[in-house]
Amino acid sequence: MSPLTVYTYTNCDTCRRAVKWLVAHGIAFTEKPIRETPPTLAELRAMLAARQGELRRLFNTSGRDYREQKLGEKLPDLAPGAALALLAKNGNLVKRPFLLGAGVGLTGFDEKEWAAALLRK
């Protein structure tokens, strides 16, 4: 499998579980801090395609920044380019963990979904 990049936040229990799962399964990856280095526009576009164009699945909808900017109300009318630009500028808005590699794009950590995508035989 090609190299994977996983964006995480240090204080996120879900991110820690995801990294622990990757290590336990011997899956090579590069870890990046999502707040300091948010995914690039190209990575966000790739994730949007992997998530069948569902913008909401790229957003950390339970985060403070999301609520403060009232993105729940604004997102349905936001153009995809504008939404991706917001995400690229503010890693707090990005759903984490955010795992991307050739042929795979996952947001959040669902062990069954990750196993199906990453443990292909």
PDB file of N, CA and C in Angstrom:
ATOM      1  N   MET A   1       0.856  -1.185   0.000  1.00  0.00           N
ATOM      2  CA  MET A   1       0.000   0.000   0.000  1.00  0.00           C
ATOM      3  C   MET A   1       0.895   1.240   0.000  1.00  0.00           C
ATOM      4  N   SER A   2       0.441   2.263  -0.677  1.00  0.00           N
ATOM      5  CA  SER A   2       1.214   3.497  -0.767  1.00  0.00           C
ATOM      6  C   SER A   2       1.194   4.236   0.572  1.00  0.00           C
ATOM      7  N   PRO A   3       2.106   5.174   0.743  1.00  0.00           N
ATOM      8  CA  PRO A   3       2.186   5.906   2.009  1.00  0.00           C
ATOM      9  C   PRO A   3       0.880   6.643   2.320  1.00  0.00           C
ATOM     10  N   LEU A   4       0.573   6.646   3.581  1.00  0.00           N
ATOM     11  CA  LEU A   4      -0.614   7.331   4.069  1.00  0.00           C
ATOM     12  C   LEU A   4      -0.187   8.535   4.898  1.00  0.00           C
ATOM     13  N   THR A   5      -1.011   9.557   4.867  1.00  0.00           N
ATOM     14  CA  THR A   5      -0.827  10.713   5.742  1.00  0.00           C
ATOM     15  C   THR A   5      -2.047  10.786   6.633  1.00  0.00           C
ATOM     16  N   VAL A   6      -1.807  10.911   7.924  1.00  0.00           N
ATOM     17  CA  VAL A   6      -2.921  11.058   8.861  1.00  0.00           C
ATOM     18  C   VAL A   6      -2.704  12.350   9.639  1.00  0.00           C
ATOM     19  N   TYR A   7      -3.692  13.220   9.561  1.00  0.00           N
ATOM     20  CA  TYR A   7      -3.679  14.472  10.296  1.00  0.00           C
ATOM     21  C   TYR A   7      -4.385  14.233  11.627  1.00  0.00           C
ATOM     22  N   THR A   8      -3.716  14.618  12.703  1.00  0.00           N
ATOM     23  CA  THR A   8      -4.262  14.389  14.038  1.00  0.00           C
ATOM     24  C   THR A   8      -4.113  15.635  14.902  1.00  0.00           C
ATOM     25  N   TYR A   9      -4.799  15.600  16.031  1.00  0.00           N
ATOM     26  CA  TYR A   9      -4.675  16.635  17.054  1.00  0.00           C
ATOM     27  C   TYR A   9      -4.252  15.928  18.338  1.00  0.00           C
ATOM     28  N   THR A  10      -3.205  16.416  18.958  1.00  0.00           N
ATOM     29  CA  THR A  10      -2.609  15.773  20.127  1.00  0.00           C
ATOM     30  C   THR A  10      -3.614  15.468  21.233  1.00  0.00           C
ATOM     31  N   ASN A  11      -4.529  16.377  21.512  1.00  0.00           N
ATOM     32  CA  ASN A  11      -5.478  16.199  22.616  1.00  0.00           C
ATOM     33  C   ASN A  11      -6.742  15.448  22.229  1.00  0.00           C
ATOM     34  N   CYS A  12      -6.745  14.825  21.076  1.00  0.00           N
ATOM     35  CA  CYS A  12      -7.932  14.123  20.580  1.00  0.00           C
ATOM     36  C   CYS A  12      -7.804  12.626  20.864  1.00  0.00           C
ATOM     37  N   ASP A  13      -8.675  12.106  21.724  1.00  0.00           N
ATOM     38  CA  ASP A  13      -8.652  10.677  22.051  1.00  0.00           C
ATOM     39  C   ASP A  13      -8.883   9.814  20.817  1.00  0.00           C
ATOM     40  N   THR A  14      -9.782  10.245  19.946  1.00  0.00           N
ATOM     41  CA  THR A  14     -10.078   9.482  18.734  1.00  0.00           C
ATOM     42  C   THR A  14      -8.844   9.405  17.838  1.00  0.00           C
ATOM     43  N   CYS A  15      -8.111  10.496  17.745  1.00  0.00           N
ATOM     44  CA  CYS A  15      -6.878  10.500  16.948  1.00  0.00           C
ATOM     45  C   CYS A  15      -5.862   9.531  17.533  1.00  0.00           C
ATOM     46  N   ARG A  16      -5.735   9.536  18.848  1.00  0.00           N
ATOM     47  CA  ARG A  16      -4.780   8.629  19.499  1.00  0.00           C
ATOM     48  C   ARG A  16      -5.175   7.172  19.256  1.00  0.00           C
ATOM     49  N   ARG A  17      -6.456   6.879  19.322  1.00  0.00           N
ATOM     50  CA  ARG A  17      -6.927   5.510  19.053  1.00  0.00           C
ATOM     51  C   ARG A  17      -6.634   5.115  17.616  1.00  0.00           C
ATOM     52  N   ALA A  18      -6.831   6.035  16.689  1.00  0.00           N
ATOM     53  CA  ALA A  18      -6.583   5.747  15.274  1.00  0.00           C
ATOM     54  C   ALA A  18      -5.102   5.461  15.026  1.00  0.00           C
ATOM     55  N   VAL A  19      -4.231   6.273  15.599  1.00  0.00           N
ATOM     56  CA  VAL A  19      -2.789   6.075  15.436  1.00  0.00           C
ATOM     57  C   VAL A  19      -2.378   4.740  16.061  1.00  0.00           C
ATOM     58  N   LYS A  20      -2.896   4.453  17.230  1.00  0.00           N
ATOM     59  CA  LYS A  20      -2.596   3.184  17.909  1.00  0.00           C
ATOM     60  C   LYS A  20      -3.045   2.005  17.034  1.00  0.00           C
ATOM     61  N   TRP A  21      -4.209   2.138  16.408  1.00  0.00           N
ATOM     62  CA  TRP A  21      -4.736   1.092  15.527  1.00  0.00           C
ATOM     63  C   TRP A  21      -3.819   0.901  14.318  1.00  0.00           C
ATOM     64  N   LEU A  22      -3.394   1.985  13.702  1.00  0.00           N
ATOM     65  CA  LEU A  22      -2.486   1.894  12.552  1.00  0.00           C
ATOM     66  C   LEU A  22      -1.189   1.184  12.931  1.00  0.00           C
ATOM     67  N   VAL A  23      -0.616   1.566  14.062  1.00  0.00           N
ATOM     68  CA  VAL A  23       0.629   0.953  14.534  1.00  0.00           C
ATOM     69  C   VAL A  23       0.413  -0.534  14.809  1.00  0.00           C
ATOM     70  N   ALA A  24      -0.683  -0.875  15.486  1.00  0.00           N
ATOM     71  CA  ALA A  24      -0.975  -2.272  15.822  1.00  0.00           C
ATOM     72  C   ALA A  24      -1.117  -3.144  14.578  1.00  0.00           C
ATOM     73  N   HIS A  25      -1.563  -2.542  13.468  1.00  0.00           N
ATOM     74  CA  HIS A  25      -1.751  -3.294  12.227  1.00  0.00           C
ATOM     75  C   HIS A  25      -0.560  -3.173  11.275  1.00  0.00           C
ATOM     76  N   GLY A  26       0.511  -2.550  11.762  1.00  0.00           N
ATOM     77  CA  GLY A  26       1.729  -2.450  10.964  1.00  0.00           C
ATOM     78  C   GLY A  26       1.580  -1.630   9.697  1.00  0.00           C
ATOM     79  N   ILE A  27       0.702  -0.641   9.742  1.00  0.00           N
ATOM     80  CA  ILE A  27       0.454   0.203   8.573  1.00  0.00           C
ATOM     81  C   ILE A  27       1.344   1.445   8.653  1.00  0.00           C
ATOM     82  N   ALA A  28       2.169   1.630   7.633  1.00  0.00           N
ATOM     83  CA  ALA A  28       3.070   2.781   7.596  1.00  0.00           C
ATOM     84  C   ALA A  28       2.281   4.060   7.305  1.00  0.00           C
ATOM     85  N   PHE A  29       2.639   5.126   7.992  1.00  0.00           N
ATOM     86  CA  PHE A  29       1.959   6.398   7.787  1.00  0.00           C
ATOM     87  C   PHE A  29       2.852   7.541   8.252  1.00  0.00           C
ATOM     88  N   THR A  30       2.522   8.724   7.768  1.00  0.00           N
ATOM     89  CA  THR A  30       3.145   9.956   8.229  1.00  0.00           C
ATOM     90  C   THR A  30       2.077  10.704   9.006  1.00  0.00           C
ATOM     91  N   GLU A  31       2.422  11.160  10.186  1.00  0.00           N
ATOM     92  CA  GLU A  31       1.467  11.895  11.018  1.00  0.00           C
ATOM     93  C   GLU A  31       1.789  13.381  10.956  1.00  0.00           C
ATOM     94  N   LYS A  32       0.746  14.196  10.791  1.00  0.00           N
ATOM     95  CA  LYS A  32       0.916  15.651  10.748  1.00  0.00           C
ATOM     96  C   LYS A  32      -0.055  16.291  11.729  1.00  0.00           C
ATOM     97  N   PRO A  33       0.381  17.358  12.386  1.00  0.00           N
ATOM     98  CA  PRO A  33      -0.513  18.073  13.312  1.00  0.00           C
ATOM     99  C   PRO A  33      -1.532  18.921  12.529  1.00  0.00           C
ATOM    100  N   ILE A  34      -2.798  18.617  12.712  1.00  0.00           N
ATOM    101  CA  ILE A  34      -3.851  19.237  11.904  1.00  0.00           C
ATOM    102  C   ILE A  34      -4.007  20.730  12.167  1.00  0.00           C
ATOM    103  N   ARG A  35      -3.766  21.170  13.399  1.00  0.00           N
ATOM    104  CA  ARG A  35      -3.918  22.601  13.696  1.00  0.00           C
ATOM    105  C   ARG A  35      -2.792  23.428  13.077  1.00  0.00           C
ATOM    106  N   GLU A  36      -1.572  22.920  13.167  1.00  0.00           N
ATOM    107  CA  GLU A  36      -0.422  23.667  12.679  1.00  0.00           C
ATOM    108  C   GLU A  36      -0.271  23.558  11.167  1.00  0.00           C
ATOM    109  N   THR A  37      -0.611  22.413  10.609  1.00  0.00           N
ATOM    110  CA  THR A  37      -0.483  22.192   9.160  1.00  0.00           C
ATOM    111  C   THR A  37      -1.758  21.539   8.638  1.00  0.00           C
ATOM    112  N   PRO A  38      -2.805  22.323   8.430  1.00  0.00           N
ATOM    113  CA  PRO A  38      -4.050  21.752   7.909  1.00  0.00           C
ATOM    114  C   PRO A  38      -3.825  21.122   6.537  1.00  0.00           C
ATOM    115  N   PRO A  39      -4.705  20.212   6.146  1.00  0.00           N
ATOM    116  CA  PRO A  39      -4.591  19.626   4.802  1.00  0.00           C
ATOM    117  C   PRO A  39      -4.615  20.720   3.731  1.00  0.00           C
ATOM    118  N   THR A  40      -3.909  20.464   2.645  1.00  0.00           N
ATOM    119  CA  THR A  40      -3.850  21.412   1.535  1.00  0.00           C
ATOM    120  C   THR A  40      -5.161  21.369   0.754  1.00  0.00           C
ATOM    121  N   LEU A  41      -5.350  22.359  -0.106  1.00  0.00           N
ATOM    122  CA  LEU A  41      -6.547  22.353  -0.959  1.00  0.00           C
ATOM    123  C   LEU A  41      -6.605  21.086  -1.809  1.00  0.00           C
ATOM    124  N   ALA A  42      -5.462  20.656  -2.337  1.00  0.00           N
ATOM    125  CA  ALA A  42      -5.433  19.431  -3.152  1.00  0.00           C
ATOM    126  C   ALA A  42      -5.848  18.220  -2.322  1.00  0.00           C
ATOM    127  N   GLU A  43      -5.363  18.137  -1.092  1.00  0.00           N
ATOM    128  CA  GLU A  43      -5.741  17.020  -0.213  1.00  0.00           C
ATOM    129  C   GLU A  43      -7.224  17.083   0.140  1.00  0.00           C
ATOM    130  N   LEU A  44      -7.717  18.279   0.383  1.00  0.00           N
ATOM    131  CA  LEU A  44      -9.133  18.443   0.706  1.00  0.00           C
ATOM    132  C   LEU A  44     -10.020  18.058  -0.482  1.00  0.00           C
ATOM    133  N   ARG A  45      -9.592  18.424  -1.681  1.00  0.00           N
ATOM    134  CA  ARG A  45     -10.351  18.028  -2.884  1.00  0.00           C
ATOM    135  C   ARG A  45     -10.366  16.508  -3.030  1.00  0.00           C
ATOM    136  N   ALA A  46      -9.223  15.872  -2.783  1.00  0.00           N
ATOM    137  CA  ALA A  46      -9.145  14.408  -2.860  1.00  0.00           C
ATOM    138  C   ALA A  46     -10.064  13.771  -1.817  1.00  0.00           C
ATOM    139  N   MET A  47     -10.087  14.335  -0.615  1.00  0.00           N
ATOM    140  CA  MET A  47     -10.956  13.799   0.437  1.00  0.00           C
ATOM    141  C   MET A  47     -12.419  14.010   0.086  1.00  0.00           C
ATOM    142  N   LEU A  48     -12.741  15.154  -0.470  1.00  0.00           N
ATOM    143  CA  LEU A  48     -14.118  15.420  -0.874  1.00  0.00           C
ATOM    144  C   LEU A  48     -14.577  14.389  -1.900  1.00  0.00           C
ATOM    145  N   ALA A  49     -13.717  14.053  -2.838  1.00  0.00           N
ATOM    146  CA  ALA A  49     -14.041  13.027  -3.830  1.00  0.00           C
ATOM    147  C   ALA A  49     -14.210  11.669  -3.153  1.00  0.00           C
ATOM    148  N   ALA A  50     -13.331  11.352  -2.199  1.00  0.00           N
ATOM    149  CA  ALA A  50     -13.412  10.071  -1.482  1.00  0.00           C
ATOM    150  C   ALA A  50     -14.683   9.983  -0.658  1.00  0.00           C
ATOM    151  N   ARG A  51     -15.188  11.119  -0.233  1.00  0.00           N
ATOM    152  CA  ARG A  51     -16.411  11.187   0.579  1.00  0.00           C
ATOM    153  C   ARG A  51     -17.635  11.517  -0.277  1.00  0.00           C
ATOM    154  N   GLN A  52     -17.557  11.173  -1.547  1.00  0.00           N
ATOM    155  CA  GLN A  52     -18.660  11.334  -2.498  1.00  0.00           C
ATOM    156  C   GLN A  52     -19.256  12.739  -2.508  1.00  0.00           C
ATOM    157  N   GLY A  53     -18.395  13.733  -2.363  1.00  0.00           N
ATOM    158  CA  GLY A  53     -18.837  15.113  -2.463  1.00  0.00           C
ATOM    159  C   GLY A  53     -19.591  15.646  -1.261  1.00  0.00           C
ATOM    160  N   GLU A  54     -19.609  14.903  -0.167  1.00  0.00           N
ATOM    161  CA  GLU A  54     -20.330  15.344   1.030  1.00  0.00           C
ATOM    162  C   GLU A  54     -19.437  16.262   1.868  1.00  0.00           C
ATOM    163  N   LEU A  55     -19.574  17.548   1.656  1.00  0.00           N
ATOM    164  CA  LEU A  55     -18.746  18.546   2.352  1.00  0.00           C
ATOM    165  C   LEU A  55     -18.812  18.403   3.869  1.00  0.00           C
ATOM    166  N   ARG A  56     -19.995  18.155   4.384  1.00  0.00           N
ATOM    167  CA  ARG A  56     -20.188  18.094   5.831  1.00  0.00           C
ATOM    168  C   ARG A  56     -19.267  17.053   6.470  1.00  0.00           C
ATOM    169  N   ARG A  57     -18.942  15.991   5.746  1.00  0.00           N
ATOM    170  CA  ARG A  57     -18.104  14.914   6.292  1.00  0.00           C
ATOM    171  C   ARG A  57     -16.646  15.332   6.456  1.00  0.00           C
ATOM    172  N   LEU A  58     -16.288  16.488   5.922  1.00  0.00           N
ATOM    173  CA  LEU A  58     -14.925  17.002   6.076  1.00  0.00           C
ATOM    174  C   LEU A  58     -14.809  17.952   7.264  1.00  0.00           C
ATOM    175  N   PHE A  59     -15.939  18.365   7.815  1.00  0.00           N
ATOM    176  CA  PHE A  59     -15.951  19.347   8.894  1.00  0.00           C
ATOM    177  C   PHE A  59     -16.074  18.700  10.265  1.00  0.00           C
ATOM    178  N   ASN A  60     -15.362  19.280  11.222  1.00  0.00           N
ATOM    179  CA  ASN A  60     -15.463  18.896  12.624  1.00  0.00           C
ATOM    180  C   ASN A  60     -16.701  19.609  13.183  1.00  0.00           C
ATOM    181  N   THR A  61     -17.859  19.003  12.982  1.00  0.00           N
ATOM    182  CA  THR A  61     -19.129  19.652  13.311  1.00  0.00           C
ATOM    183  C   THR A  61     -19.354  19.819  14.814  1.00  0.00           C
ATOM    184  N   SER A  62     -18.576  19.139  15.631  1.00  0.00           N
ATOM    185  CA  SER A  62     -18.731  19.294  17.077  1.00  0.00           C
ATOM    186  C   SER A  62     -17.726  20.281  17.662  1.00  0.00           C
ATOM    187  N   GLY A  63     -16.891  20.859  16.819  1.00  0.00           N
ATOM    188  CA  GLY A  63     -15.856  21.781  17.287  1.00  0.00           C
ATOM    189  C   GLY A  63     -16.360  23.188  17.572  1.00  0.00           C
ATOM    190  N   ARG A  64     -15.648  23.859  18.453  1.00  0.00           N
ATOM    191  CA  ARG A  64     -16.003  25.227  18.851  1.00  0.00           C
ATOM    192  C   ARG A  64     -15.968  26.187  17.662  1.00  0.00           C
ATOM    193  N   ASP A  65     -14.926  26.090  16.822  1.00  0.00           N
ATOM    194  CA  ASP A  65     -14.811  27.003  15.684  1.00  0.00           C
ATOM    195  C   ASP A  65     -15.997  26.839  14.735  1.00  0.00           C
ATOM    196  N   TYR A  66     -16.420  25.605  14.523  1.00  0.00           N
ATOM    197  CA  TYR A  66     -17.565  25.319  13.641  1.00  0.00           C
ATOM    198  C   TYR A  66     -18.825  25.995  14.187  1.00  0.00           C
ATOM    199  N   ARG A  67     -19.040  25.835  15.508  1.00  0.00           N
ATOM    200  CA  ARG A  67     -20.230  26.425  16.137  1.00  0.00           C
ATOM    201  C   ARG A  67     -20.156  27.946  16.150  1.00  0.00           C
ATOM    202  N   GLU A  68     -18.989  28.494  16.507  1.00  0.00           N
ATOM    203  CA  GLU A  68     -18.850  29.954  16.591  1.00  0.00           C
ATOM    204  C   GLU A  68     -19.067  30.632  15.239  1.00  0.00           C
ATOM    205  N   GLN A  69     -18.650  29.974  14.166  1.00  0.00           N
ATOM    206  CA  GLN A  69     -18.834  30.542  12.827  1.00  0.00           C
ATOM    207  C   GLN A  69     -20.207  30.209  12.239  1.00  0.00           C
ATOM    208  N   LYS A  70     -21.017  29.496  13.020  1.00  0.00           N
ATOM    209  CA  LYS A  70     -22.369  29.112  12.597  1.00  0.00           C
ATOM    210  C   LYS A  70     -22.363  28.395  11.244  1.00  0.00           C
ATOM    211  N   LEU A  71     -21.373  27.526  11.074  1.00  0.00           N
ATOM    212  CA  LEU A  71     -21.229  26.831   9.798  1.00  0.00           C
ATOM    213  C   LEU A  71     -22.333  25.811   9.553  1.00  0.00           C
ATOM    214  N   GLY A  72     -22.963  25.344  10.602  1.00  0.00           N
ATOM    215  CA  GLY A  72     -24.101  24.439  10.432  1.00  0.00           C
ATOM    216  C   GLY A  72     -25.199  25.084   9.601  1.00  0.00           C
ATOM    217  N   GLU A  73     -25.383  26.391   9.806  1.00  0.00           N
ATOM    218  CA  GLU A  73     -26.387  27.141   9.050  1.00  0.00           C
ATOM    219  C   GLU A  73     -25.875  27.528   7.667  1.00  0.00           C
ATOM    220  N   LYS A  74     -24.582  27.855   7.581  1.00  0.00           N
ATOM    221  CA  LYS A  74     -24.010  28.385   6.346  1.00  0.00           C
ATOM    222  C   LYS A  74     -23.605  27.315   5.335  1.00  0.00           C
ATOM    223  N   LEU A  75     -23.223  26.126   5.827  1.00  0.00           N
ATOM    224  CA  LEU A  75     -22.662  25.105   4.957  1.00  0.00           C
ATOM    225  C   LEU A  75     -23.548  24.701   3.780  1.00  0.00           C
ATOM    226  N   PRO A  76     -24.869  24.553   3.973  1.00  0.00           N
ATOM    227  CA  PRO A  76     -25.690  24.151   2.827  1.00  0.00           C
ATOM    228  C   PRO A  76     -25.623  25.120   1.641  1.00  0.00           C
ATOM    229  N   ASP A  77     -25.375  26.403   1.904  1.00  0.00           N
ATOM    230  CA  ASP A  77     -25.338  27.402   0.840  1.00  0.00           C
ATOM    231  C   ASP A  77     -23.915  27.789   0.431  1.00  0.00           C
ATOM    232  N   LEU A  78     -22.927  27.189   1.071  1.00  0.00           N
ATOM    233  CA  LEU A  78     -21.532  27.536   0.804  1.00  0.00           C
ATOM    234  C   LEU A  78     -21.026  26.777  -0.422  1.00  0.00           C
ATOM    235  N   ALA A  79     -20.399  27.501  -1.338  1.00  0.00           N
ATOM    236  CA  ALA A  79     -19.813  26.863  -2.522  1.00  0.00           C
ATOM    237  C   ALA A  79     -18.681  25.942  -2.074  1.00  0.00           C
ATOM    238  N   PRO A  80     -18.506  24.801  -2.737  1.00  0.00           N
ATOM    239  CA  PRO A  80     -17.444  23.873  -2.335  1.00  0.00           C
ATOM    240  C   PRO A  80     -16.061  24.526  -2.254  1.00  0.00           C
ATOM    241  N   GLY A  81     -15.718  25.384  -3.196  1.00  0.00           N
ATOM    242  CA  GLY A  81     -14.417  26.049  -3.160  1.00  0.00           C
ATOM    243  C   GLY A  81     -14.236  26.901  -1.917  1.00  0.00           C
ATOM    244  N   ALA A  82     -15.282  27.611  -1.530  1.00  0.00           N
ATOM    245  CA  ALA A  82     -15.224  28.454  -0.333  1.00  0.00           C
ATOM    246  C   ALA A  82     -15.117  27.594   0.923  1.00  0.00           C
ATOM    247  N   ALA A  83     -15.841  26.493   0.958  1.00  0.00           N
ATOM    248  CA  ALA A  83     -15.784  25.593   2.112  1.00  0.00           C
ATOM    249  C   ALA A  83     -14.396  24.982   2.254  1.00  0.00           C
ATOM    250  N   LEU A  84     -13.818  24.546   1.146  1.00  0.00           N
ATOM    251  CA  LEU A  84     -12.477  23.955   1.192  1.00  0.00           C
ATOM    252  C   LEU A  84     -11.428  24.993   1.594  1.00  0.00           C
ATOM    253  N   ALA A  85     -11.609  26.231   1.165  1.00  0.00           N
ATOM    254  CA  ALA A  85     -10.688  27.302   1.556  1.00  0.00           C
ATOM    255  C   ALA A  85     -10.736  27.532   3.068  1.00  0.00           C
ATOM    256  N   LEU A  86     -11.926  27.479   3.650  1.00  0.00           N
ATOM    257  CA  LEU A  86     -12.059  27.609   5.102  1.00  0.00           C
ATOM    258  C   LEU A  86     -11.294  26.500   5.820  1.00  0.00           C
ATOM    259  N   LEU A  87     -11.466  25.280   5.337  1.00  0.00           N
ATOM    260  CA  LEU A  87     -10.797  24.131   5.944  1.00  0.00           C
ATOM    261  C   LEU A  87      -9.280  24.237   5.823  1.00  0.00           C
ATOM    262  N   ALA A  88      -8.800  24.677   4.663  1.00  0.00           N
ATOM    263  CA  ALA A  88      -7.354  24.780   4.428  1.00  0.00           C
ATOM    264  C   ALA A  88      -6.706  25.839   5.319  1.00  0.00           C
ATOM    265  N   LYS A  89      -7.488  26.825   5.748  1.00  0.00           N
ATOM    266  CA  LYS A  89      -6.960  27.902   6.586  1.00  0.00           C
ATOM    267  C   LYS A  89      -7.047  27.592   8.077  1.00  0.00           C
ATOM    268  N   ASN A  90      -7.964  26.692   8.466  1.00  0.00           N
ATOM    269  CA  ASN A  90      -8.208  26.462   9.892  1.00  0.00           C
ATOM    270  C   ASN A  90      -8.347  24.968  10.165  1.00  0.00           C
ATOM    271  N   GLY A  91      -7.261  24.356  10.638  1.00  0.00           N
ATOM    272  CA  GLY A  91      -7.268  22.929  10.936  1.00  0.00           C
ATOM    273  C   GLY A  91      -8.273  22.529  11.998  1.00  0.00           C
ATOM    274  N   ASN A  92      -8.701  23.482  12.845  1.00  0.00           N
ATOM    275  CA  ASN A  92      -9.714  23.176  13.856  1.00  0.00           C
ATOM    276  C   ASN A  92     -11.049  22.802  13.223  1.00  0.00           C
ATOM    277  N   LEU A  93     -11.278  23.248  12.006  1.00  0.00           N
ATOM    278  CA  LEU A  93     -12.550  22.972  11.337  1.00  0.00           C
ATOM    279  C   LEU A  93     -12.585  21.590  10.681  1.00  0.00           C
ATOM    280  N   VAL A  94     -11.417  20.972  10.517  1.00  0.00           N
ATOM    281  CA  VAL A  94     -11.322  19.717   9.777  1.00  0.00           C
ATOM    282  C   VAL A  94     -11.646  18.533  10.676  1.00  0.00           C
ATOM    283  N   LYS A  95     -12.492  17.639  10.177  1.00  0.00           N
ATOM    284  CA  LYS A  95     -12.830  16.407  10.887  1.00  0.00           C
ATOM    285  C   LYS A  95     -11.559  15.590  11.057  1.00  0.00           C
ATOM    286  N   ARG A  96     -11.346  15.119  12.261  1.00  0.00           N
ATOM    287  CA  ARG A  96     -10.136  14.359  12.545  1.00  0.00           C
ATOM    288  C   ARG A  96     -10.456  13.034  13.205  1.00  0.00           C
ATOM    289  N   PRO A  97      -9.575  12.086  13.085  1.00  0.00           N
ATOM    290  CA  PRO A  97      -8.411  12.090  12.231  1.00  0.00           C
ATOM    291  C   PRO A  97      -8.802  12.156  10.754  1.00  0.00           C
ATOM    292  N   PHE A  98      -7.884  12.639   9.956  1.00  0.00           N
ATOM    293  CA  PHE A  98      -8.075  12.861   8.521  1.00  0.00           C
ATOM    294  C   PHE A  98      -6.984  12.053   7.847  1.00  0.00           C
ATOM    295  N   LEU A  99      -7.345  10.903   7.255  1.00  0.00           N
ATOM    296  CA  LEU A  99      -6.364   9.992   6.674  1.00  0.00           C
ATOM    297  C   LEU A  99      -6.517   9.966   5.168  1.00  0.00           C
ATOM    298  N   LEU A 100      -5.400  10.176   4.483  1.00  0.00           N
ATOM    299  CA  LEU A 100      -5.434  10.244   3.030  1.00  0.00           C
ATOM    300  C   LEU A 100      -4.247   9.498   2.438  1.00  0.00           C
ATOM    301  N   GLY A 101      -4.514   8.758   1.392  1.00  0.00           N
ATOM    302  CA  GLY A 101      -3.476   8.053   0.650  1.00  0.00           C
ATOM    303  C   GLY A 101      -4.036   7.679  -0.712  1.00  0.00           C
ATOM    304  N   ALA A 102      -3.229   7.064  -1.537  1.00  0.00           N
ATOM    305  CA  ALA A 102      -3.693   6.673  -2.872  1.00  0.00           C
ATOM    306  C   ALA A 102      -4.871   5.702  -2.736  1.00  0.00           C
ATOM    307  N   GLY A 103      -6.009   6.115  -3.251  1.00  0.00           N
ATOM    308  CA  GLY A 103      -7.185   5.253  -3.236  1.00  0.00           C
ATOM    309  C   GLY A 103      -7.931   5.178  -1.923  1.00  0.00           C
ATOM    310  N   VAL A 104      -7.542   5.970  -0.937  1.00  0.00           N
ATOM    311  CA  VAL A 104      -8.242   5.939   0.351  1.00  0.00           C
ATOM    312  C   VAL A 104      -8.324   7.340   0.945  1.00  0.00           C
ATOM    313  N   GLY A 105      -9.493   7.650   1.486  1.00  0.00           N
ATOM    314  CA  GLY A 105      -9.714   8.909   2.187  1.00  0.00           C
ATOM    315  C   GLY A 105     -10.719   8.659   3.302  1.00  0.00           C
ATOM    316  N   LEU A 106     -10.296   8.851   4.541  1.00  0.00           N
ATOM    317  CA  LEU A 106     -11.149   8.580   5.695  1.00  0.00           C
ATOM    318  C   LEU A 106     -11.129   9.759   6.654  1.00  0.00           C
ATOM    319  N   THR A 107     -12.293  10.108   7.175  1.00  0.00           N
ATOM    320  CA  THR A 107     -12.381  11.136   8.207  1.00  0.00           C
ATOM    321  C   THR A 107     -13.052  10.515   9.413  1.00  0.00           C
ATOM    322  N   GLY A 108     -12.603  10.920  10.594  1.00  0.00           N
ATOM    323  CA  GLY A 108     -13.100  10.289  11.806  1.00  0.00           C
ATOM    324  C   GLY A 108     -12.488   8.897  11.906  1.00  0.00           C
ATOM    325  N   PHE A 109     -12.712   8.230  13.035  1.00  0.00           N
ATOM    326  CA  PHE A 109     -12.161   6.884  13.188  1.00  0.00           C
ATOM    327  C   PHE A 109     -13.283   5.913  13.483  1.00  0.00           C
ATOM    328  N   ASP A 110     -13.560   5.091  12.491  1.00  0.00           N
ATOM    329  CA  ASP A 110     -14.499   3.979  12.633  1.00  0.00           C
ATOM    330  C   ASP A 110     -13.681   2.734  12.313  1.00  0.00           C
ATOM    331  N   GLU A 111     -13.403   1.931  13.318  1.00  0.00           N
ATOM    332  CA  GLU A 111     -12.499   0.793  13.151  1.00  0.00           C
ATOM    333  C   GLU A 111     -12.908  -0.125  12.002  1.00  0.00           C
ATOM    334  N   LYS A 112     -14.190  -0.392  11.875  1.00  0.00           N
ATOM    335  CA  LYS A 112     -14.650  -1.271  10.783  1.00  0.00           C
ATOM    336  C   LYS A 112     -14.389  -0.638   9.418  1.00  0.00           C
ATOM    337  N   GLU A 113     -14.674   0.643   9.300  1.00  0.00           N
ATOM    338  CA  GLU A 113     -14.449   1.346   8.027  1.00  0.00           C
ATOM    339  C   GLU A 113     -12.956   1.385   7.691  1.00  0.00           C
ATOM    340  N   TRP A 114     -12.138   1.662   8.690  1.00  0.00           N
ATOM    341  CA  TRP A 114     -10.685   1.706   8.457  1.00  0.00           C
ATOM    342  C   TRP A 114     -10.167   0.325   8.079  1.00  0.00           C
ATOM    343  N   ALA A 115     -10.644  -0.709   8.764  1.00  0.00           N
ATOM    344  CA  ALA A 115     -10.206  -2.077   8.447  1.00  0.00           C
ATOM    345  C   ALA A 115     -10.584  -2.440   7.013  1.00  0.00           C
ATOM    346  N   ALA A 116     -11.802  -2.112   6.602  1.00  0.00           N
ATOM    347  CA  ALA A 116     -12.248  -2.431   5.240  1.00  0.00           C
ATOM    348  C   ALA A 116     -11.395  -1.702   4.188  1.00  0.00           C
ATOM    349  N   ALA A 117     -11.008  -0.470   4.506  1.00  0.00           N
ATOM    350  CA  ALA A 117     -10.246   0.333   3.542  1.00  0.00           C
ATOM    351  C   ALA A 117      -8.749   0.015   3.552  1.00  0.00           C
ATOM    352  N   LEU A 118      -8.217  -0.354   4.702  1.00  0.00           N
ATOM    353  CA  LEU A 118      -6.762  -0.464   4.836  1.00  0.00           C
ATOM    354  C   LEU A 118      -6.215  -1.873   4.975  1.00  0.00           C
ATOM    355  N   LEU A 119      -7.060  -2.821   5.294  1.00  0.00           N
ATOM    356  CA  LEU A 119      -6.591  -4.193   5.495  1.00  0.00           C
ATOM    357  C   LEU A 119      -7.039  -5.100   4.363  1.00  0.00           C
ATOM    358  N   ARG A 120      -7.007  -4.567   3.157  1.00  0.00           N
ATOM    359  CA  ARG A 120      -7.388  -5.363   1.989  1.00  0.00           C
ATOM    360  C   ARG A 120      -6.410  -6.523   1.830  1.00  0.00           C
ATOM    361  N   LYS A 121      -6.950  -7.637   1.438  1.00  0.00           N
ATOM    362  CA  LYS A 121      -6.099  -8.819   1.282  1.00  0.00           C
ATOM    363  C   LYS A 121      -5.896  -9.128  -0.168  1.00  0.00           C
TER     364      LYS A 121
END
